[in-house]
Amino acid sequence: MKIKMKALAALPLLILALAAPLAADRVIRSGSLVEPSAIDPAQVWDDTSSFYVCNIFDTLVQLNPQTMKIEPSLAVRWETSQDGCNWTFHLRHDVRFHDGTAFDADAVVFTFFRQMDPANPNRLQDYPLFKDIFTFLKTVRKIDPYQVQFILSEPFFPFLASLTVECAAIVSPTAVKKFGAEFAHNPVGTGPFKLKSWNKDKRLVLEANREYWRGRPAVDEYIDTIEPRSEMLNNYFKEGMLDILYSYSISKMVSYKKQDWVKVIATPYFSVTFAVLNAARPPLDRQAVRQALGHAWDPRALKLVFQDYTLPIHSLLPRGLMADEPTGPPIGFSLDRARALLKREGFDREIQLEMLLNKDDGLLFQLCSMYAKNLKQVGVKLKLTRLDTQAYEGRIARGDYDLAYSSWIADFPDPDSMLFPLLSEQLQKQGFANIAGAKRQDLRDLLTAARRERDAKKRQALYKNLNRTIIADGLVIPLFQDKRVIIFNRKLGNIQPNPLGKFFLYDLQMK
């Protein structure tokens, strides 16, 4: 998610390129503020890269776009041992990578060992996301050319869902060996689209994989123009040179909704934004103080800042995900209750605290400014400090904060994907604000019990208990669930990202 400015001298050429007729019959043109950082499943960290990986590569299992249930993909069937430690997958025959090489068990083993084995010659960098998601993966072994087995060090029943994440997408071993570090700019998978060209900081083009095993895509080409100036992208869209906009401003949304040729969708997805309270340092090491800060949060501020493009939430699990409602009532907005808690704890002087924010997020600053005004009324002075990414992550890694803005998008549709990051010391060391510093073994034990539970209802109860405990203790304040907003020309029919925020071109049927 990095932005680089372009020279204005190139603008006329860009407009000509956007407007020029193309040989492909069914073409979609989009505009993005940034280009992908790397189109390598092992390196995906940002939303833009994720979009390209999801459309170029396949995973062993996939999510139904409507029901989100797990379905066969490169694996046609599977079974697991009773203890949940051994998972066997039977692979699809007659599938080829974009470079013409065959997909088989060797490719699956190669894909996973490249990321999990520090001594693997094709491991050219650290892959932290894989390590956090596949914590219990012990080994992957080939049984025969079209059968593989995953062996876990301990039971982990969200494992099947975890195989839908980007870093589990199967790569071409031949292409990885050929391109080395440049594979991230020369991706080769088995998916419905191939990378046709990548003109750095200017344009990316995908073309249909006409031999795709699920059938030829309805879209022939997808052309993404990279332009860091959102106003320019809006102009291109209005002039009909773009079909899709991913960037938007809330102020412009009203005018877009009035245009009969424009469609705007705002789909809630599995993302939660929250404030983390550093329970490792005074006075936030006292539960009642943390709870008082929770009572000062008024969710009505969301409507003033974000209009209808976020959802109020009192859970750490987004709506629609298993165990999304914690047991017990929400904390609730009450300045009287906040004052009473602080008085009970003996605070008769103003408490001074600092909250870290990203300097580029003006709307979040507005939201937290309203929260700071509420805190002022109960005797807490909250200083809002806006930092660039590097400075923010450095202070989080050192534990040098009182409160911090944080958010997480589920990698796969299971509560484990939302709750595990909150307790991950590794992620905290990388600059992700979570509650690892609280050193709560009881919470870790609850998460471990849920991961090992085969019965879905019992797992759900464990997750609910964990969710409730974290919120009741005031370790975090849930703020809102985000929505994925896409603006597009109605001629495209219907675009519907799934609850993970992913948009698959293969599912698009142009009018």
Protein backbone atom coordinates (compact mmCIF):
# COMPACT_ATOMS: atom_id res chain seq x y z
CA MET A 1 0.00 0.00 0.00
CA LYS A 2 2.68 2.49 -1.07
CA ILE A 3 2.03 5.50 -3.26
CA LYS A 4 4.32 7.14 -5.76
CA MET A 5 3.51 10.29 -7.73
CA LYS A 6 3.61 10.45 -11.53
CA ALA A 7 4.90 13.18 -13.82
CA LEU A 8 2.16 15.33 -15.33
CA ALA A 9 3.92 15.16 -18.70
CA ALA A 10 2.80 11.56 -19.07
CA LEU A 11 -0.90 12.43 -18.61
CA PRO A 12 -1.92 12.83 -22.30
CA LEU A 13 -0.31 9.50 -23.17
CA LEU A 14 -2.13 7.86 -20.28
CA ILE A 15 -5.48 9.18 -21.44
CA LEU A 16 -4.82 7.90 -24.94
CA ALA A 17 -3.90 4.51 -23.56
CA LEU A 18 -7.08 4.34 -21.52
CA ALA A 19 -9.28 5.35 -24.42
CA ALA A 20 -7.61 3.24 -27.12
CA PRO A 21 -9.65 0.31 -28.48
CA LEU A 22 -8.37 -3.12 -27.51
CA ALA A 23 -8.37 -6.37 -29.39
CA ALA A 24 -9.98 -8.29 -26.52
CA ASP A 25 -13.76 -8.52 -26.69
CA ARG A 26 -14.68 -8.32 -23.03
CA VAL A 27 -12.41 -5.89 -21.22
CA ILE A 28 -12.69 -4.41 -17.72
CA ARG A 29 -10.74 -1.27 -16.84
CA SER A 30 -10.15 -0.31 -13.24
CA GLY A 31 -8.23 2.41 -11.43
CA SER A 32 -6.13 1.98 -8.30
CA LEU A 33 -4.13 4.34 -6.13
CA VAL A 34 -1.31 1.84 -5.66
CA GLU A 35 0.12 -1.18 -7.43
CA PRO A 36 0.63 -4.56 -5.75
CA SER A 37 3.76 -4.85 -3.62
CA ALA A 38 4.34 -8.42 -4.85
CA ILE A 39 2.21 -10.97 -6.72
CA ASP A 40 3.64 -13.92 -4.85
CA PRO A 41 1.31 -15.88 -2.53
CA ALA A 42 4.09 -16.18 0.03
CA GLN A 43 4.56 -12.40 0.22
CA VAL A 44 0.99 -11.09 0.19
CA TRP A 45 0.26 -8.61 2.94
CA ASP A 46 -1.86 -5.85 1.37
CA ASP A 47 -5.31 -5.85 -0.25
CA THR A 48 -4.05 -4.90 -3.72
CA SER A 49 -1.58 -7.80 -3.91
CA SER A 50 -4.23 -10.12 -2.51
CA PHE A 51 -6.59 -9.31 -5.39
CA TYR A 52 -4.01 -10.34 -7.99
CA VAL A 53 -2.97 -13.50 -6.16
CA CYS A 54 -6.60 -14.61 -5.80
CA ASN A 55 -7.17 -14.23 -9.54
CA ILE A 56 -3.89 -15.76 -10.77
CA PHE A 57 -3.53 -18.69 -8.36
CA ASP A 58 -5.70 -21.49 -6.98
CA THR A 59 -5.73 -23.12 -3.55
CA LEU A 60 -6.47 -26.75 -2.68
CA VAL A 61 -9.90 -25.80 -1.36
CA GLN A 62 -11.98 -22.69 -1.98
CA LEU A 63 -14.86 -20.77 -0.45
CA ASN A 64 -18.26 -20.73 -2.09
CA PRO A 65 -18.80 -17.03 -2.98
CA GLN A 66 -22.40 -17.10 -1.71
CA THR A 67 -22.36 -19.46 1.30
CA MET A 68 -18.65 -19.22 2.28
CA LYS A 69 -18.65 -22.97 2.77
CA ILE A 70 -15.47 -24.83 1.87
CA GLU A 71 -15.56 -26.57 -1.50
CA PRO A 72 -13.11 -28.57 -3.65
CA SER A 73 -10.67 -26.70 -5.87
CA LEU A 74 -7.29 -28.21 -6.78
CA ALA A 75 -8.15 -30.95 -4.31
CA VAL A 76 -11.29 -32.94 -5.20
CA ARG A 77 -11.77 -34.55 -1.79
CA TRP A 78 -10.06 -34.95 1.59
CA GLU A 79 -10.23 -36.72 4.92
CA THR A 80 -8.78 -36.15 8.36
CA SER A 81 -7.75 -38.42 11.20
CA GLN A 82 -9.88 -38.54 14.34
CA ASP A 83 -7.34 -36.53 16.32
CA GLY A 84 -7.16 -33.80 13.65
CA CYS A 85 -3.40 -34.16 13.12
CA ASN A 86 -3.36 -35.84 9.68
CA TRP A 87 -5.13 -34.35 6.64
CA THR A 88 -5.06 -36.21 3.32
CA PHE A 89 -5.97 -34.54 0.01
CA HIS A 90 -6.75 -36.17 -3.34
CA LEU A 91 -5.70 -33.84 -6.15
CA ARG A 92 -7.37 -32.89 -9.40
CA HIS A 93 -5.88 -34.46 -12.55
CA ASP A 94 -5.10 -32.73 -15.87
CA VAL A 95 -4.50 -29.24 -14.45
CA ARG A 96 -1.62 -27.17 -15.80
CA PHE A 97 0.16 -24.06 -14.66
CA HIS A 98 0.25 -21.03 -16.95
CA ASP A 99 3.76 -22.03 -18.05
CA GLY A 100 2.46 -25.38 -19.32
CA THR A 101 3.92 -27.52 -16.52
CA ALA A 102 1.70 -30.04 -14.72
CA PHE A 103 0.07 -29.50 -11.35
CA ASP A 104 0.64 -32.48 -9.05
CA ALA A 105 1.63 -33.52 -5.53
CA ASP A 106 5.19 -32.34 -6.07
CA ALA A 107 3.94 -28.79 -6.69
CA VAL A 108 1.95 -28.85 -3.43
CA VAL A 109 4.91 -30.07 -1.41
CA PHE A 110 7.16 -27.49 -3.10
CA THR A 111 4.73 -24.63 -2.34
CA PHE A 112 4.59 -25.36 1.39
CA PHE A 113 8.21 -26.33 2.00
CA ARG A 114 9.35 -23.17 0.25
CA GLN A 115 7.73 -21.22 3.10
CA MET A 116 8.07 -23.53 6.10
CA ASP A 117 11.67 -24.75 5.74
CA PRO A 118 14.29 -22.08 6.63
CA ALA A 119 16.97 -24.07 4.75
CA ASN A 120 14.97 -24.39 1.53
CA PRO A 121 17.02 -22.97 -1.39
CA ASN A 122 13.89 -21.33 -2.85
CA ARG A 123 13.14 -19.47 0.38
CA LEU A 124 14.61 -16.08 -0.43
CA GLN A 125 13.09 -14.13 2.47
CA ASP A 126 11.10 -14.51 5.65
CA TYR A 127 7.40 -15.31 5.28
CA PRO A 128 5.84 -14.26 8.63
CA LEU A 129 2.20 -14.64 7.58
CA PHE A 130 2.70 -18.33 6.76
CA LYS A 131 4.37 -18.89 10.12
CA ASP A 132 1.45 -17.34 12.01
CA ILE A 133 -1.28 -19.15 10.07
CA PHE A 134 0.34 -22.57 9.79
CA THR A 135 1.79 -22.67 13.30
CA PHE A 136 1.17 -26.37 13.77
CA LEU A 137 2.15 -27.62 10.30
CA LYS A 138 4.88 -30.17 10.87
CA THR A 139 5.38 -31.52 7.36
CA VAL A 140 3.76 -32.14 3.97
CA ARG A 141 4.44 -35.40 2.19
CA LYS A 142 3.67 -36.85 -1.20
CA ILE A 143 1.81 -40.16 -1.06
CA ASP A 144 1.54 -40.59 -4.81
CA PRO A 145 1.49 -38.18 -7.81
CA TYR A 146 -2.04 -36.99 -6.96
CA GLN A 147 -2.25 -37.45 -3.20
CA VAL A 148 -0.63 -35.43 -0.41
CA GLN A 149 -0.76 -35.54 3.37
CA PHE A 150 -0.38 -32.65 5.82
CA ILE A 151 0.83 -33.66 9.27
CA LEU A 152 0.26 -31.29 12.20
CA SER A 153 2.15 -31.25 15.47
CA GLU A 154 -1.12 -30.98 17.39
CA PRO A 155 -4.85 -30.83 16.60
CA PHE A 156 -5.98 -27.71 14.73
CA PHE A 157 -9.51 -28.02 13.40
CA PRO A 158 -9.61 -24.64 11.60
CA PHE A 159 -6.89 -26.13 9.34
CA LEU A 160 -9.17 -26.75 6.35
CA ALA A 161 -10.35 -23.13 6.39
CA SER A 162 -6.75 -21.93 6.65
CA LEU A 163 -5.96 -23.60 3.32
CA THR A 164 -8.08 -20.95 1.57
CA VAL A 165 -5.61 -18.14 2.41
CA GLU A 166 -3.35 -16.56 -0.20
CA CYS A 167 -0.10 -18.03 1.13
CA ALA A 168 -1.59 -21.51 0.61
CA ALA A 169 -2.05 -20.88 -3.14
CA ILE A 170 -0.07 -23.35 -5.25
CA VAL A 171 2.83 -21.94 -7.27
CA SER A 172 4.66 -23.33 -10.29
CA PRO A 173 7.94 -24.87 -9.03
CA THR A 174 9.47 -24.36 -12.47
CA ALA A 175 8.65 -20.64 -12.49
CA VAL A 176 9.90 -20.07 -8.94
CA LYS A 177 13.24 -21.71 -9.78
CA LYS A 178 13.48 -19.80 -13.05
CA PHE A 179 12.69 -16.31 -11.76
CA GLY A 180 13.97 -16.51 -8.17
CA ALA A 181 13.40 -13.19 -6.40
CA GLU A 182 11.67 -11.86 -9.52
CA PHE A 183 8.89 -14.45 -9.26
CA ALA A 184 6.87 -11.80 -7.38
CA HIS A 185 6.76 -9.83 -10.66
CA ASN A 186 6.41 -12.91 -12.89
CA PRO A 187 3.73 -14.94 -11.10
CA VAL A 188 2.69 -18.32 -12.49
CA GLY A 189 -0.27 -20.23 -11.06
CA THR A 190 -3.14 -22.41 -12.27
CA GLY A 191 -5.84 -19.73 -11.83
CA PRO A 192 -8.37 -18.20 -14.23
CA PHE A 193 -6.10 -15.27 -15.19
CA LYS A 194 -2.47 -14.79 -16.22
CA LEU A 195 -0.32 -11.71 -15.79
CA LYS A 196 0.04 -10.33 -19.31
CA SER A 197 2.08 -7.22 -18.50
CA TRP A 198 3.20 -5.04 -15.60
CA ASN A 199 4.36 -1.52 -16.40
CA LYS A 200 5.64 -0.42 -13.00
CA ASP A 201 3.67 2.39 -11.34
CA LYS A 202 1.51 2.71 -14.47
CA ARG A 203 -0.52 -0.31 -15.46
CA LEU A 204 -1.13 -4.03 -14.93
CA VAL A 205 -2.95 -6.25 -17.40
CA LEU A 206 -4.43 -9.68 -16.75
CA GLU A 207 -5.59 -11.94 -19.56
CA ALA A 208 -7.94 -14.89 -19.39
CA ASN A 209 -6.52 -18.38 -18.98
CA ARG A 210 -8.46 -19.95 -21.84
CA GLU A 211 -7.53 -23.46 -20.70
CA TYR A 212 -8.67 -22.94 -17.13
CA TRP A 213 -9.87 -26.20 -15.57
CA ARG A 214 -13.19 -24.68 -14.44
CA GLY A 215 -13.87 -23.24 -17.90
CA ARG A 216 -12.85 -20.11 -19.75
CA PRO A 217 -13.54 -16.86 -17.82
CA ALA A 218 -16.23 -14.51 -19.10
CA VAL A 219 -13.73 -11.62 -18.96
CA ASP A 220 -10.95 -11.51 -21.58
CA GLU A 221 -8.79 -8.79 -20.08
CA TYR A 222 -8.55 -6.79 -16.90
CA ILE A 223 -6.59 -3.53 -17.12
CA ASP A 224 -5.68 -1.72 -13.90
CA THR A 225 -4.40 1.87 -14.18
CA ILE A 226 -2.19 2.98 -11.27
CA GLU A 227 -2.73 6.63 -10.38
CA PRO A 228 -1.96 7.97 -6.87
CA ARG A 229 -4.21 11.00 -7.36
CA SER A 230 -7.73 9.93 -6.50
CA GLU A 231 -9.20 12.97 -8.23
CA MET A 232 -7.69 11.85 -11.55
CA LEU A 233 -9.16 8.37 -11.14
CA ASN A 234 -12.56 9.89 -10.46
CA ASN A 235 -12.28 11.95 -13.64
CA TYR A 236 -11.34 8.89 -15.71
CA PHE A 237 -14.34 7.04 -14.28
CA LYS A 238 -16.77 9.90 -15.03
CA GLU A 239 -15.45 10.11 -18.59
CA GLY A 240 -16.06 6.39 -19.15
CA MET A 241 -12.39 5.44 -19.38
CA LEU A 242 -12.63 3.25 -16.26
CA ASP A 243 -15.30 0.73 -15.31
CA ILE A 244 -14.36 0.21 -11.64
CA LEU A 245 -13.15 2.48 -8.83
CA TYR A 246 -11.76 1.05 -5.59
CA SER A 247 -10.88 4.43 -4.06
CA TYR A 248 -13.61 6.80 -2.96
CA SER A 249 -14.40 9.73 -0.71
CA ILE A 250 -17.55 9.75 1.36
CA SER A 251 -18.25 13.32 0.25
CA LYS A 252 -18.48 12.22 -3.41
CA MET A 253 -20.62 9.17 -2.73
CA VAL A 254 -23.91 11.07 -2.76
CA SER A 255 -23.33 12.34 -6.30
CA TYR A 256 -22.31 8.88 -7.53
CA LYS A 257 -25.46 7.33 -6.17
CA LYS A 258 -27.54 9.78 -8.20
CA GLN A 259 -26.04 8.62 -11.51
CA ASP A 260 -28.18 5.95 -13.18
CA TRP A 261 -25.16 4.38 -14.90
CA VAL A 262 -23.22 3.98 -11.64
CA LYS A 263 -23.65 1.32 -9.00
CA VAL A 264 -22.17 1.57 -5.52
CA ILE A 265 -21.91 -1.44 -3.26
CA ALA A 266 -20.85 -1.35 0.39
CA THR A 267 -20.48 -4.89 1.67
CA PRO A 268 -19.64 -5.61 5.33
CA TYR A 269 -16.63 -7.86 5.51
CA PHE A 270 -14.74 -9.76 8.17
CA SER A 271 -12.78 -6.79 9.49
CA VAL A 272 -12.84 -5.16 12.91
CA THR A 273 -11.21 -1.89 13.93
CA PHE A 274 -10.52 -1.48 17.63
CA ALA A 275 -8.55 0.49 20.20
CA VAL A 276 -5.93 -1.51 22.11
CA LEU A 277 -5.29 -0.58 25.74
CA ASN A 278 -1.78 -1.34 26.95
CA ALA A 279 -2.51 -3.33 30.11
CA ALA A 280 1.22 -3.71 30.76
CA ARG A 281 1.68 -0.15 32.02
CA PRO A 282 -0.06 2.00 34.65
CA PRO A 283 -2.75 3.08 35.07
CA LEU A 284 -4.12 0.79 32.37
CA ASP A 285 -2.88 -2.23 34.30
CA ARG A 286 -6.00 -1.75 36.44
CA GLN A 287 -9.09 -3.37 35.00
CA ALA A 288 -11.52 -0.72 36.26
CA VAL A 289 -9.57 2.04 34.49
CA ARG A 290 -9.67 0.13 31.23
CA GLN A 291 -13.39 -0.49 31.66
CA ALA A 292 -13.97 3.22 32.29
CA LEU A 293 -12.31 4.04 28.97
CA GLY A 294 -14.64 1.54 27.31
CA HIS A 295 -17.73 3.26 28.75
CA ALA A 296 -16.56 6.58 27.26
CA TRP A 297 -16.77 5.27 23.69
CA ASP A 298 -19.97 6.46 21.95
CA PRO A 299 -20.67 4.48 18.73
CA ARG A 300 -23.03 7.22 17.53
CA ALA A 301 -19.91 9.10 16.41
CA LEU A 302 -19.53 6.59 13.57
CA LYS A 303 -22.53 7.98 11.72
CA LEU A 304 -21.13 11.52 11.87
CA VAL A 305 -17.75 10.52 10.47
CA PHE A 306 -18.35 7.52 8.21
CA GLN A 307 -22.07 7.87 7.39
CA ASP A 308 -23.31 4.36 6.47
CA TYR A 309 -19.94 2.91 5.45
CA THR A 310 -19.14 1.25 8.76
CA LEU A 311 -21.12 -0.83 11.25
CA PRO A 312 -21.10 -0.27 15.03
CA ILE A 313 -19.81 -3.36 16.78
CA HIS A 314 -19.33 -4.55 20.36
CA SER A 315 -17.49 -7.74 19.49
CA LEU A 316 -14.00 -8.61 18.33
CA LEU A 317 -15.54 -10.96 15.79
CA PRO A 318 -17.28 -9.38 12.79
CA ARG A 319 -20.93 -10.06 12.11
CA GLY A 320 -21.47 -13.21 10.10
CA LEU A 321 -18.51 -15.08 11.59
CA MET A 322 -18.95 -17.97 14.01
CA ALA A 323 -19.36 -16.75 17.63
CA ASP A 324 -19.66 -13.13 16.51
CA GLU A 325 -21.82 -12.19 19.51
CA PRO A 326 -19.98 -12.45 22.85
CA THR A 327 -21.84 -13.89 25.83
CA GLY A 328 -23.00 -11.15 28.20
CA PRO A 329 -24.12 -7.55 27.54
CA PRO A 330 -21.91 -5.03 25.72
CA ILE A 331 -19.91 -2.48 27.72
CA GLY A 332 -22.22 0.36 26.64
CA PHE A 333 -21.72 4.12 26.49
CA SER A 334 -22.09 5.76 29.90
CA LEU A 335 -20.02 8.70 31.10
CA ASP A 336 -21.59 8.36 34.55
CA ARG A 337 -20.42 4.78 34.78
CA ALA A 338 -16.93 5.80 33.58
CA ARG A 339 -16.70 8.50 36.28
CA ALA A 340 -17.87 6.10 38.97
CA LEU A 341 -15.23 3.53 38.07
CA LEU A 342 -12.42 6.07 38.11
CA LYS A 343 -13.65 7.51 41.42
CA ARG A 344 -13.77 4.04 42.92
CA GLU A 345 -10.14 3.55 41.91
CA GLY A 346 -9.17 6.76 43.70
CA PHE A 347 -8.42 8.96 40.69
CA ASP A 348 -9.26 12.49 41.77
CA ARG A 349 -6.80 14.14 39.36
CA GLU A 350 -6.77 14.22 35.58
CA ILE A 351 -5.27 11.11 33.97
CA GLN A 352 -3.06 11.81 30.98
CA LEU A 353 -2.85 9.17 28.24
CA GLU A 354 -1.62 9.01 24.64
CA MET A 355 -3.18 7.23 21.67
CA LEU A 356 -1.16 6.36 18.56
CA LEU A 357 -2.76 6.77 15.12
CA ASN A 358 -1.65 6.56 11.51
CA LYS A 359 -0.97 10.06 10.22
CA ASP A 360 -2.67 9.42 6.86
CA ASP A 361 -6.07 8.46 8.28
CA GLY A 362 -7.91 11.75 8.71
CA LEU A 363 -11.34 10.20 9.29
CA LEU A 364 -10.08 8.02 12.11
CA PHE A 365 -8.48 11.10 13.66
CA GLN A 366 -11.88 12.80 13.58
CA LEU A 367 -13.48 9.78 15.23
CA CYS A 368 -10.88 9.56 17.99
CA SER A 369 -11.09 13.33 18.57
CA MET A 370 -14.75 12.84 19.48
CA TYR A 371 -13.76 10.00 21.78
CA ALA A 372 -11.13 12.26 23.41
CA LYS A 373 -13.83 14.87 24.14
CA ASN A 374 -15.86 12.22 25.97
CA LEU A 375 -12.84 11.19 28.01
CA LYS A 376 -12.18 14.82 28.92
CA GLN A 377 -15.58 14.91 30.62
CA VAL A 378 -14.64 12.04 32.93
CA GLY A 379 -11.19 13.31 33.86
CA VAL A 380 -8.98 11.72 31.20
CA LYS A 381 -6.87 13.81 28.83
CA LEU A 382 -6.15 11.81 25.71
CA LYS A 383 -3.37 13.07 23.44
CA LEU A 384 -3.72 11.87 19.83
CA THR A 385 -0.33 11.29 18.20
CA ARG A 386 -0.24 10.73 14.43
CA LEU A 387 2.79 8.84 13.14
CA ASP A 388 4.05 7.46 9.86
CA THR A 389 3.97 3.70 9.52
CA GLN A 390 7.57 3.07 10.51
CA ALA A 391 7.41 5.23 13.63
CA TYR A 392 4.04 3.75 14.63
CA GLU A 393 5.22 0.16 14.28
CA GLY A 394 8.45 0.92 16.15
CA ARG A 395 6.61 2.25 19.19
CA ILE A 396 4.15 -0.63 19.16
CA ALA A 397 7.00 -3.14 19.00
CA ARG A 398 8.60 -1.51 22.05
CA GLY A 399 5.31 -1.36 23.95
CA ASP A 400 5.68 2.43 24.09
CA TYR A 401 2.01 3.47 24.05
CA ASP A 402 -1.11 3.75 26.19
CA LEU A 403 -3.78 3.29 23.51
CA ALA A 404 -3.34 2.48 19.85
CA TYR A 405 -5.56 2.18 16.82
CA SER A 406 -5.54 -1.32 15.35
CA SER A 407 -7.54 -3.41 12.91
CA TRP A 408 -7.53 -6.88 11.44
CA ILE A 409 -9.11 -8.55 8.43
CA ALA A 410 -9.74 -12.27 8.73
CA ASP A 411 -7.46 -14.34 6.54
CA PHE A 412 -9.94 -17.22 6.54
CA PRO A 413 -13.55 -17.60 7.75
CA ASP A 414 -12.92 -18.86 11.27
CA PRO A 415 -12.76 -16.97 14.60
CA ASP A 416 -9.21 -18.23 15.04
CA SER A 417 -8.12 -15.92 12.23
CA MET A 418 -9.35 -12.90 14.23
CA LEU A 419 -8.45 -13.94 17.78
CA PHE A 420 -5.03 -15.51 17.29
CA PRO A 421 -3.46 -12.24 16.00
CA LEU A 422 -4.63 -10.49 19.18
CA LEU A 423 -2.45 -12.83 21.24
CA SER A 424 0.51 -13.17 18.87
CA GLU A 425 3.80 -11.96 20.36
CA GLN A 426 5.41 -12.29 16.93
CA LEU A 427 2.93 -9.87 15.35
CA GLN A 428 3.35 -7.44 18.24
CA LYS A 429 7.11 -7.44 17.66
CA GLN A 430 6.42 -6.59 14.00
CA GLY A 431 4.43 -3.51 15.04
CA PHE A 432 0.84 -4.82 15.16
CA ALA A 433 -0.99 -3.46 18.20
CA ASN A 434 -2.52 -6.33 20.14
CA ILE A 435 -2.84 -7.63 23.72
CA ALA A 436 0.17 -9.95 23.76
CA GLY A 437 1.87 -7.61 26.23
CA ALA A 438 -0.81 -8.39 28.82
CA LYS A 439 0.71 -11.89 29.21
CA ARG A 440 -2.67 -13.52 29.74
CA GLN A 441 -2.12 -17.26 29.84
CA ASP A 442 -5.81 -17.85 30.56
CA LEU A 443 -6.69 -16.34 27.18
CA ARG A 444 -4.06 -18.42 25.40
CA ASP A 445 -5.45 -21.56 27.06
CA LEU A 446 -8.96 -20.74 25.83
CA LEU A 447 -7.70 -20.26 22.28
CA THR A 448 -5.74 -23.52 22.39
CA ALA A 449 -8.79 -25.40 23.65
CA ALA A 450 -10.91 -23.97 20.79
CA ARG A 451 -8.31 -24.93 18.18
CA ARG A 452 -8.25 -28.52 19.44
CA GLU A 453 -12.03 -28.94 19.64
CA ARG A 454 -13.50 -31.06 16.83
CA ASP A 455 -17.17 -30.39 17.73
CA ALA A 456 -18.28 -27.14 16.05
CA LYS A 457 -20.77 -26.13 18.78
CA LYS A 458 -18.23 -26.59 21.53
CA ARG A 459 -15.66 -24.62 19.54
CA GLN A 460 -18.18 -21.83 19.11
CA ALA A 461 -18.80 -21.70 22.88
CA LEU A 462 -15.07 -21.47 23.56
CA TYR A 463 -14.62 -18.64 21.08
CA LYS A 464 -17.58 -16.75 22.57
CA ASN A 465 -16.07 -17.05 26.02
CA LEU A 466 -12.70 -15.79 24.78
CA ASN A 467 -14.35 -12.89 22.95
CA ARG A 468 -16.37 -11.93 26.04
CA THR A 469 -13.41 -12.14 28.41
CA ILE A 470 -11.18 -9.86 26.33
CA ILE A 471 -13.88 -7.18 26.04
CA ALA A 472 -15.13 -7.45 29.64
CA ASP A 473 -11.58 -7.00 30.92
CA GLY A 474 -11.27 -3.82 28.86
CA LEU A 475 -8.20 -5.01 26.97
CA VAL A 476 -9.65 -3.61 23.73
CA ILE A 477 -12.53 -1.34 22.72
CA PRO A 478 -14.27 -2.57 19.54
CA LEU A 479 -14.98 0.46 17.33
CA PHE A 480 -16.50 -0.69 14.04
CA GLN A 481 -16.77 -3.29 11.32
CA ASP A 482 -15.67 -1.97 7.95
CA LYS A 483 -17.39 -2.24 4.57
CA ARG A 484 -15.77 -3.00 1.23
CA VAL A 485 -16.87 -0.24 -1.14
CA ILE A 486 -16.67 -0.65 -4.92
CA ILE A 487 -18.00 1.86 -7.45
CA PHE A 488 -18.60 0.53 -10.95
CA ASN A 489 -20.41 0.94 -14.24
CA ARG A 490 -23.72 -0.94 -14.27
CA LYS A 491 -22.80 -2.57 -17.59
CA LEU A 492 -20.65 -4.98 -15.58
CA GLY A 493 -23.74 -6.52 -14.05
CA ASN A 494 -23.14 -7.26 -10.38
CA ILE A 495 -19.90 -7.23 -8.45
CA GLN A 496 -20.06 -8.96 -5.10
CA PRO A 497 -16.90 -9.30 -3.00
CA ASN A 498 -17.06 -12.07 -0.44
CA PRO A 499 -17.04 -11.36 3.35
CA LEU A 500 -13.24 -11.53 3.31
CA GLY A 501 -13.26 -8.53 0.98
CA LYS A 502 -12.02 -10.56 -2.00
CA PHE A 503 -13.30 -9.91 -5.51
CA PHE A 504 -12.94 -12.73 -8.03
CA LEU A 505 -13.06 -11.78 -11.71
CA TYR A 506 -14.08 -15.32 -12.62
CA ASP A 507 -17.44 -14.83 -10.86
CA LEU A 508 -18.21 -11.69 -12.88
CA GLN A 509 -20.72 -12.01 -15.71
CA MET A 510 -20.68 -8.93 -17.94
CA LYS A 511 -23.96 -7.72 -19.42
